[in-house]
Amino acid sequence: MKDYIVKKTVRINAPAEVVWDALTDPEKTKEYFFNCRVISNWKPGSPITFKGRMFWIIPFKIRGVIKKATPGKLLQYTLRNGKGKSTSTVTDELIEKDGKTELHITDEVGQGEGAEQRYHRSVKGWDKILKGLKELVENES
């Protein structure tokens, strides 16, 4: 069975701590993450929730668990897909050099029924998210 993994990288003209803030501040995530606020205390084992409104009218929540969190360097969490039948693991790795940050996103969508469709949605979604994140951070700096 094939494992579906999305890998994306974006270079952002800002220090890693600024990018980290944009990844973890609910008011900032709302600006680029499909109108979702991300809520967590960012400690391993604690919950993470993406809460928003699809098409600005349909309320939804996506829940998971923080696996690893090193501010300015690494964030890893799981999320339940669809109706909770499977989970994906998302890893955000930040590498700063000369005041600029390279953000590597890995989204392990998994395998089995529906994985290929989730993979294709995830590829498109991360492209939009990373473009919005880069614009938000660079416009603030």
Protein backbone atom coordinates (compact mmCIF):
# COMPACT_ATOMS: atom_id res chain seq x y z
CA MET A 1 0.00 0.00 0.00
CA LYS A 2 1.34 3.43 -0.95
CA ASP A 3 2.13 6.03 1.73
CA TYR A 4 1.12 9.55 0.65
CA ILE A 5 3.49 12.30 1.85
CA VAL A 6 3.35 15.98 0.88
CA LYS A 7 6.63 17.91 1.10
CA LYS A 8 6.76 21.67 0.61
CA THR A 9 9.39 24.35 1.25
CA VAL A 10 9.13 28.13 1.35
CA ARG A 11 11.82 30.74 1.97
CA ILE A 12 10.65 33.69 4.05
CA ASN A 13 12.52 36.94 4.44
CA ALA A 14 12.20 37.03 8.25
CA PRO A 15 13.82 35.43 11.30
CA ALA A 16 12.57 32.04 12.50
CA GLU A 17 11.01 33.51 15.65
CA VAL A 18 8.78 35.74 13.50
CA VAL A 19 7.74 32.78 11.33
CA TRP A 20 7.10 30.70 14.46
CA ASP A 21 4.84 33.44 15.80
CA ALA A 22 2.85 33.41 12.56
CA LEU A 23 2.50 29.62 12.79
CA THR A 24 1.24 29.67 16.39
CA ASP A 25 -0.74 32.91 16.81
CA PRO A 26 -4.46 32.24 16.20
CA GLU A 27 -5.13 35.74 14.91
CA LYS A 28 -2.34 35.37 12.35
CA THR A 29 -3.25 31.84 11.24
CA LYS A 30 -6.76 33.11 10.53
CA GLU A 31 -5.23 35.38 7.88
CA TYR A 32 -3.62 32.63 5.77
CA PHE A 33 -4.88 29.21 6.98
CA PHE A 34 -8.33 29.07 5.37
CA ASN A 35 -9.81 31.46 7.94
CA CYS A 36 -8.85 29.08 10.79
CA ARG A 37 -7.56 29.98 14.21
CA VAL A 38 -5.09 27.44 15.55
CA ILE A 39 -5.46 26.87 19.28
CA SER A 40 -2.95 25.05 21.49
CA ASN A 41 -0.56 25.58 24.39
CA TRP A 42 2.21 24.12 22.15
CA LYS A 43 3.37 21.49 24.63
CA PRO A 44 3.89 17.85 23.56
CA GLY A 45 0.85 15.73 24.37
CA SER A 46 -1.53 18.70 24.41
CA PRO A 47 -4.40 19.20 21.97
CA ILE A 48 -4.29 21.33 18.85
CA THR A 49 -7.47 22.59 17.21
CA PHE A 50 -8.00 24.37 13.92
CA LYS A 51 -11.29 26.20 14.27
CA GLY A 52 -12.97 28.22 11.57
CA ARG A 53 -15.77 28.54 9.07
CA MET A 54 -15.73 26.94 5.66
CA PHE A 55 -16.78 29.47 3.04
CA TRP A 56 -17.12 31.88 6.01
CA ILE A 57 -20.46 30.29 7.02
CA ILE A 58 -20.07 26.58 7.87
CA PRO A 59 -18.40 26.09 11.28
CA PHE A 60 -15.83 23.31 11.60
CA LYS A 61 -13.05 22.02 13.85
CA ILE A 62 -10.08 19.83 13.08
CA ARG A 63 -8.42 18.32 16.13
CA GLY A 64 -5.15 16.65 16.87
CA VAL A 65 -2.27 16.34 19.31
CA ILE A 66 1.07 18.15 19.57
CA LYS A 67 3.90 15.61 19.22
CA LYS A 68 6.94 17.93 19.29
CA ALA A 69 7.36 21.67 19.77
CA THR A 70 10.65 23.54 19.88
CA PRO A 71 9.91 27.27 19.42
CA GLY A 72 11.56 28.73 16.34
CA LYS A 73 12.74 25.31 15.15
CA LEU A 74 10.24 22.45 15.01
CA LEU A 75 6.51 21.80 15.33
CA GLN A 76 4.95 18.40 14.80
CA TYR A 77 1.31 17.43 15.32
CA THR A 78 -1.26 14.87 14.27
CA LEU A 79 -4.68 15.70 12.85
CA ARG A 80 -7.75 13.54 12.34
CA ASN A 81 -8.84 13.34 8.70
CA GLY A 82 -12.41 13.32 7.55
CA LYS A 83 -14.66 11.64 10.04
CA GLY A 84 -11.77 10.63 12.28
CA LYS A 85 -10.99 7.35 10.52
CA SER A 86 -7.35 8.24 9.86
CA THR A 87 -4.75 10.73 10.99
CA SER A 88 -2.06 12.71 9.28
CA THR A 89 1.18 13.92 10.83
CA VAL A 90 2.34 17.42 9.97
CA THR A 91 5.92 18.53 10.64
CA ASP A 92 7.05 22.16 10.33
CA GLU A 93 10.83 22.55 10.40
CA LEU A 94 12.30 26.06 10.47
CA ILE A 95 15.91 26.69 9.47
CA GLU A 96 17.22 30.23 9.87
CA LYS A 97 20.25 31.56 8.04
CA ASP A 98 21.28 35.21 7.79
CA GLY A 99 17.95 36.44 9.17
CA LYS A 100 15.89 34.48 6.64
CA THR A 101 13.93 31.31 7.31
CA GLU A 102 13.43 28.22 5.23
CA LEU A 103 10.24 26.45 6.31
CA HIS A 104 9.92 22.77 5.41
CA ILE A 105 6.45 21.24 5.70
CA THR A 106 5.92 17.50 5.64
CA ASP A 107 2.34 16.23 5.72
CA GLU A 108 2.19 12.45 6.10
CA VAL A 109 -1.32 11.91 4.81
CA GLY A 110 -1.09 8.15 5.26
CA GLN A 111 -2.48 5.31 3.22
CA GLY A 112 -5.65 3.38 2.66
CA GLU A 113 -9.09 4.48 1.55
CA GLY A 114 -9.28 8.15 0.60
CA ALA A 115 -5.55 8.79 1.07
CA GLU A 116 -4.91 9.69 -2.55
CA GLN A 117 -7.72 12.27 -2.56
CA ARG A 118 -6.51 13.72 0.78
CA TYR A 119 -3.00 13.90 -0.68
CA HIS A 120 -4.13 15.93 -3.72
CA ARG A 121 -6.21 18.29 -1.53
CA SER A 122 -3.25 18.68 0.81
CA VAL A 123 -0.83 19.55 -2.02
CA LYS A 124 -3.12 22.37 -3.19
CA GLY A 125 -3.90 23.47 0.35
CA TRP A 126 -0.27 23.76 1.42
CA ASP A 127 0.57 25.79 -1.69
CA LYS A 128 -2.10 28.33 -0.74
CA ILE A 129 -1.21 28.31 2.99
CA LEU A 130 2.51 28.81 2.42
CA LYS A 131 1.93 31.60 -0.09
CA GLY A 132 -0.32 33.38 2.41
CA LEU A 133 2.08 32.79 5.32
CA LYS A 134 5.01 34.22 3.34
CA GLU A 135 2.98 37.31 2.34
CA LEU A 136 1.73 37.88 5.90
CA VAL A 137 5.17 37.60 7.50
CA GLU A 138 7.05 39.59 4.90
CA ASN A 139 4.44 42.37 4.89
CA GLU A 140 4.69 42.64 8.70
CA SER A 141 8.50 42.83 8.66
